[in-house]
C-alpha cells in the first residue's frame, strides 16, 4: 500500500502552520477558534491550518507539561 505522507508547512511571518492531508481541492471549511479544517467535495478533510501558531510558545508549553 502506497500512502502519501502529509505535507507540513509553516509561515513564520504570519504564524500559520498548515498540514496538507490530501492534494484535493477544498470546497468547504470549518472554523474552530484558530483552527480551520478544509474539506473536499466528498467531505474528506484535505488540510488543517493553525493560525497564530508559534513554535516558541509550543516548546514552552511542552516544558510546562514535563
C-alpha atoms as a PDB file:
ATOM      1  CA  UNK A   1       0.000   0.000   0.000  1.00  0.00           C
ATOM      2  CA  UNK A   2       1.467   3.338  -1.060  1.00  0.00           C
ATOM      3  CA  UNK A   3       0.165   6.003   1.333  1.00  0.00           C
ATOM      4  CA  UNK A   4       1.196   9.637   0.849  1.00  0.00           C
ATOM      5  CA  UNK A   5       2.640  11.383   3.901  1.00  0.00           C
ATOM      6  CA  UNK A   6       1.069  14.691   4.974  1.00  0.00           C
ATOM      7  CA  UNK A   7       2.854  17.850   3.837  1.00  0.00           C
ATOM      8  CA  UNK A   8       3.563  20.254   6.702  1.00  0.00           C
ATOM      9  CA  UNK A   9       4.464  23.888   6.104  1.00  0.00           C
ATOM     10  CA  UNK A  10       4.934  26.886   8.367  1.00  0.00           C
ATOM     11  CA  UNK A  11       4.932  30.601   7.604  1.00  0.00           C
ATOM     12  CA  UNK A  12       6.810  32.232  10.472  1.00  0.00           C
ATOM     13  CA  UNK A  13       5.843  35.785   9.487  1.00  0.00           C
ATOM     14  CA  UNK A  14       2.082  35.120   9.541  1.00  0.00           C
ATOM     15  CA  UNK A  15       2.367  32.339  12.174  1.00  0.00           C
ATOM     16  CA  UNK A  16       0.344  29.819  10.162  1.00  0.00           C
ATOM     17  CA  UNK A  17       1.100  26.105  10.231  1.00  0.00           C
ATOM     18  CA  UNK A  18      -0.608  24.084   7.514  1.00  0.00           C
ATOM     19  CA  UNK A  19      -0.919  20.312   7.254  1.00  0.00           C
ATOM     20  CA  UNK A  20      -1.976  19.070   3.819  1.00  0.00           C
ATOM     21  CA  UNK A  21      -3.524  15.625   4.158  1.00  0.00           C
ATOM     22  CA  UNK A  22      -4.551  15.187   0.503  1.00  0.00           C
ATOM     23  CA  UNK A  23      -3.920  17.119  -2.692  1.00  0.00           C
ATOM     24  CA  UNK A  24      -7.602  17.651  -3.464  1.00  0.00           C
ATOM     25  CA  UNK A  25      -9.322  20.995  -3.963  1.00  0.00           C
ATOM     26  CA  UNK A  26     -11.016  22.450  -0.883  1.00  0.00           C
ATOM     27  CA  UNK A  27     -14.722  23.227  -1.295  1.00  0.00           C
ATOM     28  CA  UNK A  28     -15.812  23.706   2.328  1.00  0.00           C
ATOM     29  CA  UNK A  29     -14.259  24.687   5.668  1.00  0.00           C
ATOM     30  CA  UNK A  30     -14.992  24.505   9.381  1.00  0.00           C
ATOM     31  CA  UNK A  31     -13.544  27.111  11.747  1.00  0.00           C
ATOM     32  CA  UNK A  32     -12.840  26.207  15.376  1.00  0.00           C
ATOM     33  CA  UNK A  33     -11.099  29.150  17.072  1.00  0.00           C
ATOM     34  CA  UNK A  34      -7.700  29.474  15.383  1.00  0.00           C
ATOM     35  CA  UNK A  35      -8.031  26.140  13.529  1.00  0.00           C
ATOM     36  CA  UNK A  36      -9.513  25.841  10.030  1.00  0.00           C
ATOM     37  CA  UNK A  37     -10.254  22.422   8.538  1.00  0.00           C
ATOM     38  CA  UNK A  38     -10.743  22.287   4.755  1.00  0.00           C
ATOM     39  CA  UNK A  39     -12.807  19.549   3.082  1.00  0.00           C
ATOM     40  CA  UNK A  40     -13.040  18.216  -0.465  1.00  0.00           C
ATOM     41  CA  UNK A  41     -16.294  17.616  -2.381  1.00  0.00           C
ATOM     42  CA  UNK A  42     -16.628  14.136  -0.816  1.00  0.00           C
ATOM     43  CA  UNK A  43     -16.444  15.617   2.701  1.00  0.00           C
ATOM     44  CA  UNK A  44     -12.961  14.300   3.472  1.00  0.00           C
ATOM     45  CA  UNK A  45     -10.509  16.573   5.302  1.00  0.00           C
ATOM     46  CA  UNK A  46      -7.754  17.753   2.948  1.00  0.00           C
ATOM     47  CA  UNK A  47      -5.976  20.439   5.003  1.00  0.00           C
ATOM     48  CA  UNK A  48      -5.742  21.737   8.566  1.00  0.00           C
ATOM     49  CA  UNK A  49      -4.475  25.282   9.210  1.00  0.00           C
ATOM     50  CA  UNK A  50      -3.406  26.541  12.630  1.00  0.00           C
ATOM     51  CA  UNK A  51      -3.448  30.358  12.795  1.00  0.00           C
ATOM     52  CA  UNK A  52      -1.392  32.196  15.413  1.00  0.00           C
ATOM     53  CA  UNK A  53       0.875  29.158  15.815  1.00  0.00           C
ATOM     54  CA  UNK A  54       4.292  29.823  17.355  1.00  0.00           C
ATOM     55  CA  UNK A  55       6.943  27.131  17.761  1.00  0.00           C
ATOM     56  CA  UNK A  56       8.408  29.075  20.691  1.00  0.00           C
ATOM     57  CA  UNK A  57       5.079  29.022  22.526  1.00  0.00           C
ATOM     58  CA  UNK A  58       4.651  25.362  21.596  1.00  0.00           C
ATOM     59  CA  UNK A  59       8.068  24.453  23.036  1.00  0.00           C
ATOM     60  CA  UNK A  60       7.346  26.439  26.218  1.00  0.00           C
ATOM     61  CA  UNK A  61       4.070  24.573  26.586  1.00  0.00           C
ATOM     62  CA  UNK A  62       5.883  21.247  26.278  1.00  0.00           C
ATOM     63  CA  UNK A  63       8.317  22.298  29.001  1.00  0.00           C
ATOM     64  CA  UNK A  64       5.374  23.096  31.299  1.00  0.00           C
ATOM     65  CA  UNK A  65       3.981  19.578  30.781  1.00  0.00           C
ATOM     66  CA  UNK A  66       7.235  17.829  31.731  1.00  0.00           C
END
